[in-house]
Amino acid sequence: MHFTAEASSNGVVERNFTLGEVTGLLWSPASGSDRAARFFTRHLGRIIPPAA
């Protein structure tokens, strides 16, 4: 995992990352919190629409 950018606002740190070919975001408390980090990844594959 390689972090590519970081920003902080309202007690939350947002870090962009890449893991191989996959990109994503990691949100975590700025400090002193017992809450777990949240993350979002983006799959760059084909999007298949739902059946009608």
PDB file of N, CA and C in Angstrom:
ATOM      1  N   MET A   1       0.853  -1.170   0.000  1.00  0.00           N
ATOM      2  CA  MET A   1       0.000   0.000   0.000  1.00  0.00           C
ATOM      3  C   MET A   1       0.894   1.226   0.000  1.00  0.00           C
ATOM      4  N   HIS A   2       0.544   2.172  -0.866  1.00  0.00           N
ATOM      5  CA  HIS A   2       1.314   3.404  -0.986  1.00  0.00           C
ATOM      6  C   HIS A   2       0.347   4.581  -0.837  1.00  0.00           C
ATOM      7  N   PHE A   3       0.567   5.432   0.162  1.00  0.00           N
ATOM      8  CA  PHE A   3      -0.265   6.619   0.340  1.00  0.00           C
ATOM      9  C   PHE A   3       0.186   7.698  -0.627  1.00  0.00           C
ATOM     10  N   THR A   4      -0.779   8.280  -1.346  1.00  0.00           N
ATOM     11  CA  THR A   4      -0.461   9.254  -2.392  1.00  0.00           C
ATOM     12  C   THR A   4      -0.836  10.687  -2.009  1.00  0.00           C
ATOM     13  N   ALA A   5      -1.741  10.863  -1.032  1.00  0.00           N
ATOM     14  CA  ALA A   5      -2.148  12.206  -0.601  1.00  0.00           C
ATOM     15  C   ALA A   5      -2.757  12.103   0.793  1.00  0.00           C
ATOM     16  N   GLU A   6      -2.749  13.219   1.515  1.00  0.00           N
ATOM     17  CA  GLU A   6      -3.329  13.262   2.854  1.00  0.00           C
ATOM     18  C   GLU A   6      -3.917  14.636   3.116  1.00  0.00           C
ATOM     19  N   ALA A   7      -5.107  14.651   3.738  1.00  0.00           N
ATOM     20  CA  ALA A   7      -5.759  15.903   4.129  1.00  0.00           C
ATOM     21  C   ALA A   7      -6.456  15.662   5.462  1.00  0.00           C
ATOM     22  N   SER A   8      -6.616  16.727   6.255  1.00  0.00           N
ATOM     23  CA  SER A   8      -7.262  16.616   7.555  1.00  0.00           C
ATOM     24  C   SER A   8      -8.288  17.733   7.707  1.00  0.00           C
ATOM     25  N   SER A   9      -9.467  17.374   8.235  1.00  0.00           N
ATOM     26  CA  SER A   9     -10.521  18.358   8.436  1.00  0.00           C
ATOM     27  C   SER A   9     -11.510  17.830   9.475  1.00  0.00           C
ATOM     28  N   ASN A  10     -11.929  18.672  10.390  1.00  0.00           N
ATOM     29  CA  ASN A  10     -12.950  18.331  11.386  1.00  0.00           C
ATOM     30  C   ASN A  10     -12.639  17.052  12.151  1.00  0.00           C
ATOM     31  N   GLY A  11     -11.383  16.833  12.496  1.00  0.00           N
ATOM     32  CA  GLY A  11     -11.011  15.675  13.296  1.00  0.00           C
ATOM     33  C   GLY A  11     -10.889  14.372  12.529  1.00  0.00           C
ATOM     34  N   VAL A  12     -10.932  14.443  11.193  1.00  0.00           N
ATOM     35  CA  VAL A  12     -10.826  13.245  10.358  1.00  0.00           C
ATOM     36  C   VAL A  12      -9.656  13.413   9.395  1.00  0.00           C
ATOM     37  N   VAL A  13      -8.842  12.367   9.276  1.00  0.00           N
ATOM     38  CA  VAL A  13      -7.736  12.359   8.323  1.00  0.00           C
ATOM     39  C   VAL A  13      -8.148  11.496   7.138  1.00  0.00           C
ATOM     40  N   GLU A  14      -8.008  12.040   5.925  1.00  0.00           N
ATOM     41  CA  GLU A  14      -8.322  11.310   4.699  1.00  0.00           C
ATOM     42  C   GLU A  14      -7.019  11.061   3.955  1.00  0.00           C
ATOM     43  N   ARG A  15      -6.756   9.788   3.637  1.00  0.00           N
ATOM     44  CA  ARG A  15      -5.536   9.426   2.916  1.00  0.00           C
ATOM     45  C   ARG A  15      -5.900   8.668   1.649  1.00  0.00           C
ATOM     46  N   ASN A  16      -5.436   9.160   0.512  1.00  0.00           N
ATOM     47  CA  ASN A  16      -5.582   8.430  -0.738  1.00  0.00           C
ATOM     48  C   ASN A  16      -4.479   7.386  -0.800  1.00  0.00           C
ATOM     49  N   PHE A  17      -4.791   6.212  -1.352  1.00  0.00           N
ATOM     50  CA  PHE A  17      -3.766   5.184  -1.454  1.00  0.00           C
ATOM     51  C   PHE A  17      -3.919   4.373  -2.731  1.00  0.00           C
ATOM     52  N   THR A  18      -2.869   3.675  -3.071  1.00  0.00           N
ATOM     53  CA  THR A  18      -2.908   2.681  -4.142  1.00  0.00           C
ATOM     54  C   THR A  18      -2.372   1.378  -3.582  1.00  0.00           C
ATOM     55  N   LEU A  19      -2.933   0.286  -4.058  1.00  0.00           N
ATOM     56  CA  LEU A  19      -2.492  -1.058  -3.689  1.00  0.00           C
ATOM     57  C   LEU A  19      -2.441  -1.837  -4.990  1.00  0.00           C
ATOM     58  N   GLY A  20      -1.260  -1.873  -5.575  1.00  0.00           N
ATOM     59  CA  GLY A  20      -1.153  -2.429  -6.922  1.00  0.00           C
ATOM     60  C   GLY A  20      -1.873  -1.506  -7.884  1.00  0.00           C
ATOM     61  N   GLU A  21      -2.870  -2.036  -8.588  1.00  0.00           N
ATOM     62  CA  GLU A  21      -3.660  -1.259  -9.562  1.00  0.00           C
ATOM     63  C   GLU A  21      -4.929  -0.675  -8.953  1.00  0.00           C
ATOM     64  N   VAL A  22      -5.192  -0.983  -7.690  1.00  0.00           N
ATOM     65  CA  VAL A  22      -6.419  -0.541  -7.026  1.00  0.00           C
ATOM     66  C   VAL A  22      -6.155   0.755  -6.273  1.00  0.00           C
ATOM     67  N   THR A  23      -7.080   1.717  -6.421  1.00  0.00           N
ATOM     68  CA  THR A  23      -6.983   2.970  -5.681  1.00  0.00           C
ATOM     69  C   THR A  23      -8.045   2.984  -4.596  1.00  0.00           C
ATOM     70  N   GLY A  24      -7.860   3.829  -3.580  1.00  0.00           N
ATOM     71  CA  GLY A  24      -8.856   3.905  -2.524  1.00  0.00           C
ATOM     72  C   GLY A  24      -8.626   5.078  -1.601  1.00  0.00           C
ATOM     73  N   LEU A  25      -9.512   5.205  -0.624  1.00  0.00           N
ATOM     74  CA  LEU A  25      -9.447   6.249   0.395  1.00  0.00           C
ATOM     75  C   LEU A  25      -9.510   5.592   1.758  1.00  0.00           C
ATOM     76  N   LEU A  26      -8.768   6.130   2.706  1.00  0.00           N
ATOM     77  CA  LEU A  26      -8.795   5.662   4.090  1.00  0.00           C
ATOM     78  C   LEU A  26      -9.137   6.853   4.967  1.00  0.00           C
ATOM     79  N   TRP A  27     -10.224   6.741   5.715  1.00  0.00           N
ATOM     80  CA  TRP A  27     -10.598   7.783   6.663  1.00  0.00           C
ATOM     81  C   TRP A  27     -10.321   7.267   8.061  1.00  0.00           C
ATOM     82  N   SER A  28      -9.691   8.079   8.896  1.00  0.00           N
ATOM     83  CA  SER A  28      -9.419   7.683  10.274  1.00  0.00           C
ATOM     84  C   SER A  28      -9.501   8.910  11.178  1.00  0.00           C
ATOM     85  N   PRO A  29      -9.761   8.680  12.481  1.00  0.00           N
ATOM     86  CA  PRO A  29      -9.792   9.798  13.420  1.00  0.00           C
ATOM     87  C   PRO A  29      -8.432  10.485  13.467  1.00  0.00           C
ATOM     88  N   ALA A  30      -8.428  11.794  13.625  1.00  0.00           N
ATOM     89  CA  ALA A  30      -7.172  12.544  13.672  1.00  0.00           C
ATOM     90  C   ALA A  30      -6.326  12.120  14.863  1.00  0.00           C
ATOM     91  N   SER A  31      -6.936  11.912  16.028  1.00  0.00           N
ATOM     92  CA  SER A  31      -6.180  11.459  17.205  1.00  0.00           C
ATOM     93  C   SER A  31      -7.129  11.154  18.346  1.00  0.00           C
ATOM     94  N   GLY A  32      -6.655  10.321  19.261  1.00  0.00           N
ATOM     95  CA  GLY A  32      -7.328  10.092  20.526  1.00  0.00           C
ATOM     96  C   GLY A  32      -8.694   9.451  20.477  1.00  0.00           C
ATOM     97  N   SER A  33      -9.045   8.806  19.408  1.00  0.00           N
ATOM     98  CA  SER A  33     -10.367   8.190  19.327  1.00  0.00           C
ATOM     99  C   SER A  33     -10.231   6.676  19.296  1.00  0.00           C
ATOM    100  N   ASP A  34     -11.226   5.985  19.848  1.00  0.00           N
ATOM    101  CA  ASP A  34     -11.207   4.527  19.840  1.00  0.00           C
ATOM    102  C   ASP A  34     -12.001   3.959  18.664  1.00  0.00           C
ATOM    103  N   ARG A  35     -12.443   4.807  17.756  1.00  0.00           N
ATOM    104  CA  ARG A  35     -13.212   4.351  16.601  1.00  0.00           C
ATOM    105  C   ARG A  35     -12.283   3.814  15.526  1.00  0.00           C
ATOM    106  N   ALA A  36     -12.752   2.814  14.815  1.00  0.00           N
ATOM    107  CA  ALA A  36     -11.953   2.183  13.766  1.00  0.00           C
ATOM    108  C   ALA A  36     -11.906   3.046  12.517  1.00  0.00           C
ATOM    109  N   ALA A  37     -10.841   2.889  11.750  1.00  0.00           N
ATOM    110  CA  ALA A  37     -10.713   3.590  10.472  1.00  0.00           C
ATOM    111  C   ALA A  37     -11.715   3.025   9.478  1.00  0.00           C
ATOM    112  N   ARG A  38     -12.117   3.835   8.522  1.00  0.00           N
ATOM    113  CA  ARG A  38     -13.021   3.421   7.441  1.00  0.00           C
ATOM    114  C   ARG A  38     -12.261   3.529   6.131  1.00  0.00           C
ATOM    115  N   PHE A  39     -12.535   2.634   5.201  1.00  0.00           N
ATOM    116  CA  PHE A  39     -11.854   2.742   3.921  1.00  0.00           C
ATOM    117  C   PHE A  39     -12.797   2.460   2.768  1.00  0.00           C
ATOM    118  N   PHE A  40     -12.428   2.956   1.610  1.00  0.00           N
ATOM    119  CA  PHE A  40     -13.182   2.779   0.379  1.00  0.00           C
ATOM    120  C   PHE A  40     -12.195   2.411  -0.710  1.00  0.00           C
ATOM    121  N   THR A  41     -12.515   1.373  -1.461  1.00  0.00           N
ATOM    122  CA  THR A  41     -11.680   1.006  -2.598  1.00  0.00           C
ATOM    123  C   THR A  41     -12.505   1.068  -3.865  1.00  0.00           C
ATOM    124  N   ARG A  42     -11.827   1.259  -4.959  1.00  0.00           N
ATOM    125  CA  ARG A  42     -12.506   1.358  -6.254  1.00  0.00           C
ATOM    126  C   ARG A  42     -11.953   0.281  -7.165  1.00  0.00           C
ATOM    127  N   HIS A  43     -12.855  -0.516  -7.697  1.00  0.00           N
ATOM    128  CA  HIS A  43     -12.470  -1.548  -8.651  1.00  0.00           C
ATOM    129  C   HIS A  43     -12.531  -0.947 -10.039  1.00  0.00           C
ATOM    130  N   LEU A  44     -11.488  -1.103 -10.806  1.00  0.00           N
ATOM    131  CA  LEU A  44     -11.425  -0.471 -12.120  1.00  0.00           C
ATOM    132  C   LEU A  44     -11.966  -1.373 -13.227  1.00  0.00           C
ATOM    133  N   GLY A  45     -12.600  -2.468 -12.860  1.00  0.00           N
ATOM    134  CA  GLY A  45     -13.142  -3.390 -13.844  1.00  0.00           C
ATOM    135  C   GLY A  45     -14.438  -2.896 -14.472  1.00  0.00           C
ATOM    136  N   ARG A  46     -15.007  -3.722 -15.322  1.00  0.00           N
ATOM    137  CA  ARG A  46     -16.235  -3.400 -16.049  1.00  0.00           C
ATOM    138  C   ARG A  46     -17.418  -3.383 -15.084  1.00  0.00           C
ATOM    139  N   ILE A  47     -18.297  -2.405 -15.223  1.00  0.00           N
ATOM    140  CA  ILE A  47     -19.499  -2.312 -14.416  1.00  0.00           C
ATOM    141  C   ILE A  47     -20.612  -3.020 -15.164  1.00  0.00           C
ATOM    142  N   ILE A  48     -21.262  -3.975 -14.502  1.00  0.00           N
ATOM    143  CA  ILE A  48     -22.346  -4.737 -15.125  1.00  0.00           C
ATOM    144  C   ILE A  48     -23.663  -4.193 -14.586  1.00  0.00           C
ATOM    145  N   PRO A  49     -24.534  -3.680 -15.464  1.00  0.00           N
ATOM    146  CA  PRO A  49     -25.807  -3.121 -14.984  1.00  0.00           C
ATOM    147  C   PRO A  49     -26.720  -4.224 -14.449  1.00  0.00           C
ATOM    148  N   PRO A  50     -27.590  -3.903 -13.490  1.00  0.00           N
ATOM    149  CA  PRO A  50     -28.521  -4.916 -12.964  1.00  0.00           C
ATOM    150  C   PRO A  50     -29.504  -5.362 -14.025  1.00  0.00           C
ATOM    151  N   ALA A  51     -29.985  -6.583 -13.907  1.00  0.00           N
ATOM    152  CA  ALA A  51     -30.972  -7.103 -14.857  1.00  0.00           C
ATOM    153  C   ALA A  51     -32.290  -6.356 -14.676  1.00  0.00           C
ATOM    154  N   ALA A  52     -32.995  -6.172 -15.772  1.00  0.00           N
ATOM    155  CA  ALA A  52     -34.279  -5.440 -15.744  1.00  0.00           C
ATOM    156  C   ALA A  52     -35.395  -6.289 -15.215  1.00  0.00           C
TER     157      ALA A  52
END
